[in-house]
Amino acid sequence: MENSLPALSLLILFVGIDVSKAKLDVACRAGQQLSQRVFANSAAGYQQLCDWLASFAAKAVHICLEATGSYSPPVATFLEQAGYAVSVLNPAVLVDYRRSLNLRRKSDALDASLLARFAQERQPPLWHPLSQAVQVLRHWLRQRRQLLALHTQLTNFLEDPQLLAPIRQQWHEQREQIRQLQVISEVQVVRHLHQQPELLLLWQRLQTIPGIGWLSAAQLIAAVGSLSRFSHVGALVSFVGLAVSQQQSGSSVHRRPHLDHHGQRPLRALFYLAALNAMRSDPALAAWAQRLRERGKPEAIVHAAVMRKLVHIVYGVWKTGCDYDPQRAFPLQAA
């Protein structure tokens, strides 16, 4: 659909972009009127999109898109640098919004129009690109993660008892090469952090938290990026996917509280392992968990509570710039 909106010199243009590997489905909304087009997901396509948006002569433009892995950051960064107000949503937000509108159909064009409508109705907070230092850290950690997956895959292949000896030898050599590259990527992560004074101090400070080692501290910095993205600790808890969801209406509808897993799965896995280690290594956290058990909480609930507690501790350490202090994290126990 071509540009069909009227002159918008006094209006705000709300734009939704559904980002896929090859294309951008774009919807522009002003009032109740909608216009849609498709552009290539490339530098040339980004410029064509900007030219199209400029043709509306709107007083202001608010663009909304989903966080879709490695596809959304380039276009979001380009548009933000071009001077547009950009919001990047957790994909779960659009899922909940679609459900609230009782929509069953799904397409790229429809998702774009929903994002534009969401921007118009909710006006979500603005997104800003992460610092170059954090982006480089993300690249090194992504390489390590990919190499680890390849190493695991080759290890599984080598467990085949019917594997021919020449093939086994080739795959064994490839696995060793991948392992060496993985070690190099880990060295690069540490070297990069030591070259960034602000990140280095934060990285060292996060490692004072029980259950958080050098790698998990680096992964936390890469995933969170900047604490300014989260207005309060609850936002970070939700980002990790540890917020508690509960459904209750009158006396007929009641669902037991459960974790809302609309969040970052790798971060949840990180805090899952950190909670296990922390309950073994930190007496204050172990005592806090034991108090929950004594109140009759099942072990799964205790573990989830420890994970959330660790998120609170991370938020506090990051925000205050102070090392982990058990007396500060558990003031009632200290008293």
Protein backbone atom coordinates (compact mmCIF):
# COMPACT_ATOMS: atom_id res chain seq x y z
CA MET A 1 0.00 0.00 0.00
CA GLU A 2 1.47 3.32 -1.02
CA ASN A 3 1.52 6.51 1.00
CA SER A 4 -2.14 7.40 1.38
CA LEU A 5 -2.19 9.46 4.57
CA PRO A 6 -3.08 13.17 4.50
CA ALA A 7 -0.66 15.95 5.36
CA LEU A 8 0.48 15.49 8.93
CA SER A 9 2.20 18.77 9.71
CA LEU A 10 0.52 18.95 13.13
CA LEU A 11 0.27 15.25 13.96
CA ILE A 12 2.46 12.50 15.36
CA LEU A 13 3.13 9.60 13.03
CA PHE A 14 3.27 6.22 14.78
CA VAL A 15 5.23 3.58 12.90
CA GLY A 16 5.34 -0.17 13.45
CA ILE A 17 8.06 -2.30 11.85
CA ASP A 18 8.00 -6.09 11.69
CA VAL A 19 11.63 -7.11 11.11
CA SER A 20 12.57 -10.34 9.37
CA LYS A 21 15.81 -11.54 7.79
CA ALA A 22 15.11 -10.18 4.31
CA LYS A 23 12.50 -7.46 4.68
CA LEU A 24 10.84 -4.82 6.82
CA ASP A 25 7.05 -4.68 6.91
CA VAL A 26 6.22 -1.10 7.87
CA ALA A 27 2.91 0.40 8.97
CA CYS A 28 2.36 4.15 9.52
CA ARG A 29 -0.58 5.24 11.63
CA ALA A 30 -2.03 8.73 12.13
CA GLY A 31 -5.34 8.82 13.96
CA GLN A 32 -7.32 5.90 12.53
CA GLN A 33 -5.66 6.02 9.11
CA LEU A 34 -3.05 3.46 8.11
CA SER A 35 -0.49 3.18 5.33
CA GLN A 36 1.82 0.21 4.76
CA ARG A 37 4.88 -0.64 2.68
CA VAL A 38 7.66 -3.23 2.54
CA PHE A 39 11.39 -2.44 2.37
CA ALA A 40 14.50 -4.57 2.11
CA ASN A 41 16.30 -5.30 5.37
CA SER A 42 19.49 -3.62 4.15
CA ALA A 43 21.24 -0.27 4.32
CA ALA A 44 19.55 0.76 1.07
CA GLY A 45 16.18 -0.31 2.47
CA TYR A 46 16.74 1.70 5.65
CA GLN A 47 17.41 4.83 3.61
CA GLN A 48 14.31 4.25 1.48
CA LEU A 49 12.31 3.87 4.68
CA CYS A 50 13.63 7.18 6.01
CA ASP A 51 12.78 8.90 2.72
CA TRP A 52 9.25 7.51 2.91
CA LEU A 53 8.79 8.65 6.51
CA ALA A 54 10.05 12.12 5.64
CA SER A 55 7.43 12.39 2.89
CA PHE A 56 4.67 12.52 5.52
CA ALA A 57 5.99 15.81 6.93
CA ALA A 58 4.82 14.77 10.40
CA LYS A 59 5.60 16.92 13.41
CA ALA A 60 7.03 13.90 15.22
CA VAL A 61 7.59 10.21 14.46
CA HIS A 62 7.55 7.39 17.01
CA ILE A 63 8.78 4.02 15.66
CA CYS A 64 8.10 0.72 17.42
CA LEU A 65 9.61 -2.67 16.61
CA GLU A 66 10.27 -5.97 18.33
CA ALA A 67 13.60 -7.25 19.60
CA THR A 68 14.22 -10.03 17.08
CA GLY A 69 17.66 -11.43 17.75
CA SER A 70 20.34 -10.04 15.45
CA TYR A 71 17.87 -8.63 12.89
CA SER A 72 16.41 -5.67 14.80
CA PRO A 73 19.51 -3.87 16.21
CA PRO A 74 20.86 -2.64 12.83
CA VAL A 75 17.61 -1.01 11.72
CA ALA A 76 16.87 0.31 15.22
CA THR A 77 20.34 1.86 15.42
CA PHE A 78 20.05 3.38 11.94
CA LEU A 79 16.67 4.98 12.72
CA GLU A 80 17.80 6.25 16.14
CA GLN A 81 20.89 7.83 14.60
CA ALA A 82 18.64 9.37 11.93
CA GLY A 83 16.89 11.26 14.73
CA TYR A 84 13.72 9.23 15.14
CA ALA A 85 12.18 8.20 18.46
CA VAL A 86 12.52 4.41 18.57
CA SER A 87 11.06 1.84 20.97
CA VAL A 88 12.18 -1.80 20.94
CA LEU A 89 9.74 -4.21 22.60
CA ASN A 90 10.15 -7.62 24.14
CA PRO A 91 8.30 -9.96 21.71
CA ALA A 92 6.13 -11.14 24.61
CA VAL A 93 4.60 -7.64 24.78
CA LEU A 94 3.10 -8.00 21.31
CA VAL A 95 1.86 -11.50 22.16
CA ASP A 96 -0.02 -10.13 25.18
CA TYR A 97 -1.28 -7.14 23.20
CA ARG A 98 -2.60 -9.39 20.42
CA ARG A 99 -4.35 -11.53 23.04
CA SER A 100 -5.93 -8.46 24.63
CA LEU A 101 -7.43 -7.56 21.24
CA ASN A 102 -8.65 -11.15 20.74
CA LEU A 103 -6.84 -11.43 17.41
CA ARG A 104 -6.19 -14.88 15.98
CA ARG A 105 -4.73 -13.98 12.58
CA LYS A 106 -1.01 -13.41 12.27
CA SER A 107 1.08 -12.03 9.43
CA ASP A 108 4.06 -9.72 9.07
CA ALA A 109 1.86 -6.89 7.82
CA LEU A 110 -0.59 -7.37 10.68
CA ASP A 111 2.21 -7.41 13.24
CA ALA A 112 3.52 -4.13 11.82
CA SER A 113 0.09 -2.51 12.13
CA LEU A 114 -0.24 -3.84 15.70
CA LEU A 115 3.13 -2.34 16.61
CA ALA A 116 2.04 1.02 15.20
CA ARG A 117 -1.22 0.82 17.15
CA PHE A 118 0.64 -0.18 20.32
CA ALA A 119 2.96 2.81 19.92
CA GLN A 120 -0.03 5.11 19.49
CA GLU A 121 -1.95 3.77 22.49
CA ARG A 122 0.85 3.01 24.96
CA GLN A 123 3.71 5.26 23.81
CA PRO A 124 6.39 2.88 25.16
CA PRO A 125 9.71 4.17 26.51
CA LEU A 126 12.40 5.06 24.03
CA TRP A 127 15.28 2.78 23.14
CA HIS A 128 18.89 3.84 22.82
CA PRO A 129 21.73 1.74 21.38
CA LEU A 130 24.18 0.14 23.76
CA SER A 131 27.68 1.53 24.10
CA GLN A 132 30.31 0.32 21.67
CA ALA A 133 32.11 -1.41 24.53
CA VAL A 134 29.06 -3.49 25.41
CA GLN A 135 28.37 -4.31 21.76
CA VAL A 136 31.92 -5.62 21.31
CA LEU A 137 31.53 -7.67 24.49
CA ARG A 138 28.34 -9.16 23.07
CA HIS A 139 30.13 -10.16 19.88
CA TRP A 140 32.89 -12.01 21.72
CA LEU A 141 30.39 -13.79 23.98
CA ARG A 142 28.24 -14.70 20.98
CA GLN A 143 31.29 -16.23 19.28
CA ARG A 144 32.10 -18.22 22.41
CA ARG A 145 28.49 -19.47 22.61
CA GLN A 146 28.53 -20.56 18.96
CA LEU A 147 31.86 -22.34 19.35
CA LEU A 148 30.59 -24.10 22.45
CA ALA A 149 27.55 -25.35 20.51
CA LEU A 150 29.82 -26.67 17.72
CA HIS A 151 32.08 -28.37 20.28
CA THR A 152 29.07 -30.06 21.90
CA GLN A 153 27.73 -31.17 18.51
CA LEU A 154 31.03 -32.74 17.51
CA THR A 155 31.31 -34.45 20.90
CA ASN A 156 27.90 -36.01 20.33
CA PHE A 157 28.95 -37.16 16.84
CA LEU A 158 32.08 -38.78 18.24
CA GLU A 159 29.98 -40.93 20.59
CA ASP A 160 28.71 -42.92 17.60
CA PRO A 161 30.35 -46.39 17.96
CA GLN A 162 29.95 -47.09 14.22
CA LEU A 163 31.91 -44.03 13.14
CA LEU A 164 34.68 -44.84 10.68
CA ALA A 165 38.18 -44.30 12.04
CA PRO A 166 39.25 -41.67 9.41
CA ILE A 167 36.09 -39.66 10.03
CA ARG A 168 36.51 -39.98 13.78
CA GLN A 169 40.05 -38.62 13.50
CA GLN A 170 38.95 -35.66 11.37
CA TRP A 171 36.14 -34.73 13.73
CA HIS A 172 38.40 -35.12 16.74
CA GLU A 173 40.89 -32.70 15.20
CA GLN A 174 38.11 -30.26 14.34
CA ARG A 175 36.81 -30.43 17.90
CA GLU A 176 40.25 -29.62 19.27
CA GLN A 177 40.55 -26.65 16.92
CA ILE A 178 37.14 -25.38 18.02
CA ARG A 179 38.14 -25.79 21.66
CA GLN A 180 41.24 -23.67 21.05
CA LEU A 181 39.14 -20.98 19.36
CA GLN A 182 36.76 -21.06 22.32
CA VAL A 183 39.66 -20.45 24.72
CA ILE A 184 40.84 -17.57 22.52
CA SER A 185 37.36 -16.01 22.60
CA GLU A 186 37.31 -16.28 26.41
CA VAL A 187 40.71 -14.58 26.58
CA GLN A 188 39.37 -11.83 24.32
CA VAL A 189 36.38 -11.32 26.63
CA VAL A 190 38.66 -10.82 29.64
CA ARG A 191 41.10 -8.65 27.67
CA HIS A 192 38.27 -6.44 26.38
CA LEU A 193 36.87 -5.95 29.89
CA HIS A 194 40.30 -4.95 31.18
CA GLN A 195 40.53 -2.36 28.40
CA GLN A 196 37.26 -0.72 29.48
CA PRO A 197 37.70 0.90 32.94
CA GLU A 198 33.97 1.35 33.65
CA LEU A 199 33.08 -2.17 32.55
CA LEU A 200 36.07 -3.62 34.41
CA LEU A 201 34.99 -2.13 37.74
CA LEU A 202 31.41 -3.34 37.28
CA TRP A 203 32.60 -6.78 36.16
CA GLN A 204 34.76 -7.16 39.27
CA ARG A 205 31.98 -5.87 41.52
CA LEU A 206 29.39 -8.32 40.17
CA GLN A 207 31.78 -11.18 40.97
CA THR A 208 31.47 -10.35 44.68
CA ILE A 209 27.90 -11.71 44.50
CA PRO A 210 27.62 -15.39 45.49
CA GLY A 211 27.13 -17.66 42.48
CA ILE A 212 28.34 -15.06 39.96
CA GLY A 213 31.69 -15.93 38.38
CA TRP A 214 33.80 -14.18 35.77
CA LEU A 215 31.81 -15.53 32.82
CA SER A 216 28.34 -14.99 34.26
CA ALA A 217 29.32 -11.44 35.30
CA ALA A 218 30.40 -10.71 31.71
CA GLN A 219 27.19 -12.25 30.38
CA LEU A 220 25.13 -10.08 32.75
CA ILE A 221 26.83 -6.91 31.53
CA ALA A 222 26.30 -7.92 27.90
CA ALA A 223 22.64 -8.82 28.38
CA VAL A 224 21.60 -5.88 30.55
CA GLY A 225 23.84 -3.34 28.83
CA SER A 226 22.86 -0.36 30.94
CA LEU A 227 20.85 -0.30 34.14
CA SER A 228 19.22 2.93 32.96
CA ARG A 229 17.07 0.75 30.69
CA PHE A 230 15.21 -0.41 33.82
CA SER A 231 13.28 2.12 35.86
CA HIS A 232 13.05 -0.19 38.89
CA VAL A 233 14.19 -3.62 40.00
CA GLY A 234 10.86 -5.18 39.01
CA ALA A 235 11.57 -4.29 35.39
CA LEU A 236 14.83 -6.22 35.55
CA VAL A 237 13.09 -9.19 37.22
CA SER A 238 10.56 -9.19 34.37
CA PHE A 239 13.35 -8.88 31.79
CA VAL A 240 14.97 -12.02 33.17
CA GLY A 241 11.59 -13.80 33.12
CA LEU A 242 11.12 -14.26 36.87
CA ALA A 243 8.07 -12.07 37.48
CA VAL A 244 5.21 -13.82 39.29
CA SER A 245 1.94 -13.98 37.36
CA GLN A 246 -1.41 -14.61 39.02
CA GLN A 247 -4.93 -14.84 37.61
CA GLN A 248 -7.88 -14.31 39.95
CA SER A 249 -11.40 -13.10 39.30
CA GLY A 250 -14.20 -13.41 41.83
CA SER A 251 -14.63 -16.87 43.26
CA SER A 252 -14.74 -18.87 40.02
CA VAL A 253 -11.44 -18.05 38.33
CA HIS A 254 -8.29 -18.65 40.32
CA ARG A 255 -4.89 -19.81 39.17
CA ARG A 256 -1.99 -20.42 41.46
CA PRO A 257 0.83 -17.88 41.16
CA HIS A 258 3.46 -18.95 38.63
CA LEU A 259 6.52 -17.54 36.93
CA ASP A 260 5.84 -15.50 33.83
CA HIS A 261 8.57 -16.78 31.50
CA HIS A 262 8.27 -13.85 29.09
CA GLY A 263 11.90 -12.92 29.41
CA GLN A 264 15.47 -13.74 28.47
CA ARG A 265 15.88 -17.52 28.61
CA PRO A 266 19.72 -17.41 28.71
CA LEU A 267 19.55 -15.03 31.68
CA ARG A 268 17.10 -17.31 33.48
CA ALA A 269 19.49 -20.21 32.95
CA LEU A 270 22.33 -18.06 34.28
CA PHE A 271 20.42 -17.23 37.46
CA TYR A 272 19.26 -20.84 37.84
CA LEU A 273 22.86 -22.05 38.08
CA ALA A 274 23.90 -19.03 40.14
CA ALA A 275 21.16 -19.81 42.68
CA LEU A 276 22.40 -23.39 43.04
CA ASN A 277 25.96 -22.22 43.66
CA ALA A 278 24.94 -19.35 45.93
CA MET A 279 22.89 -21.57 48.27
CA ARG A 280 26.00 -23.72 48.73
CA SER A 281 28.57 -20.94 49.10
CA ASP A 282 26.83 -18.05 50.90
CA PRO A 283 25.70 -18.69 54.51
CA ALA A 284 23.41 -15.63 54.50
CA LEU A 285 21.58 -16.70 51.35
CA ALA A 286 21.44 -20.33 52.51
CA ALA A 287 19.88 -19.23 55.83
CA TRP A 288 17.33 -17.08 53.97
CA ALA A 289 16.40 -20.04 51.75
CA GLN A 290 16.11 -22.31 54.79
CA ARG A 291 13.61 -19.90 56.37
CA LEU A 292 11.45 -20.28 53.28
CA ARG A 293 11.60 -24.07 53.58
CA GLU A 294 10.61 -23.87 57.24
CA ARG A 295 7.54 -21.90 56.18
CA GLY A 296 6.52 -24.89 54.04
CA LYS A 297 7.66 -23.63 50.65
CA PRO A 298 8.44 -26.40 48.12
CA GLU A 299 12.01 -26.63 46.89
CA ALA A 300 11.09 -25.35 43.41
CA ILE A 301 9.51 -22.23 44.96
CA VAL A 302 12.57 -21.72 47.17
CA HIS A 303 14.88 -21.97 44.16
CA ALA A 304 12.80 -19.46 42.18
CA ALA A 305 12.78 -17.09 45.16
CA VAL A 306 16.58 -17.31 45.44
CA MET A 307 16.87 -16.55 41.72
CA ARG A 308 14.71 -13.43 42.15
CA LYS A 309 16.70 -12.45 45.24
CA LEU A 310 19.90 -12.65 43.22
CA VAL A 311 18.37 -10.38 40.57
CA HIS A 312 17.58 -7.86 43.33
CA ILE A 313 21.16 -8.15 44.61
CA VAL A 314 22.59 -7.63 41.12
CA TYR A 315 20.40 -4.56 40.67
CA GLY A 316 21.51 -3.16 44.02
CA VAL A 317 25.22 -3.79 43.46
CA TRP A 318 25.03 -2.30 39.95
CA LYS A 319 23.00 0.74 41.01
CA THR A 320 24.88 1.63 44.21
CA GLY A 321 28.36 0.84 42.92
CA CYS A 322 29.10 -1.15 46.08
CA ASP A 323 30.29 -4.72 46.51
CA TYR A 324 27.87 -7.36 47.73
CA ASP A 325 27.16 -7.00 51.45
CA PRO A 326 25.08 -9.80 53.07
CA GLN A 327 24.08 -7.50 55.95
CA ARG A 328 22.64 -5.08 53.43
CA ALA A 329 20.94 -7.80 51.38
CA PHE A 330 19.48 -9.55 54.45
CA PRO A 331 19.01 -6.83 57.10
CA LEU A 332 16.48 -8.85 59.15
CA GLN A 333 18.91 -11.74 59.52
CA ALA A 334 21.68 -9.36 60.54
CA ALA A 335 19.43 -7.89 63.21
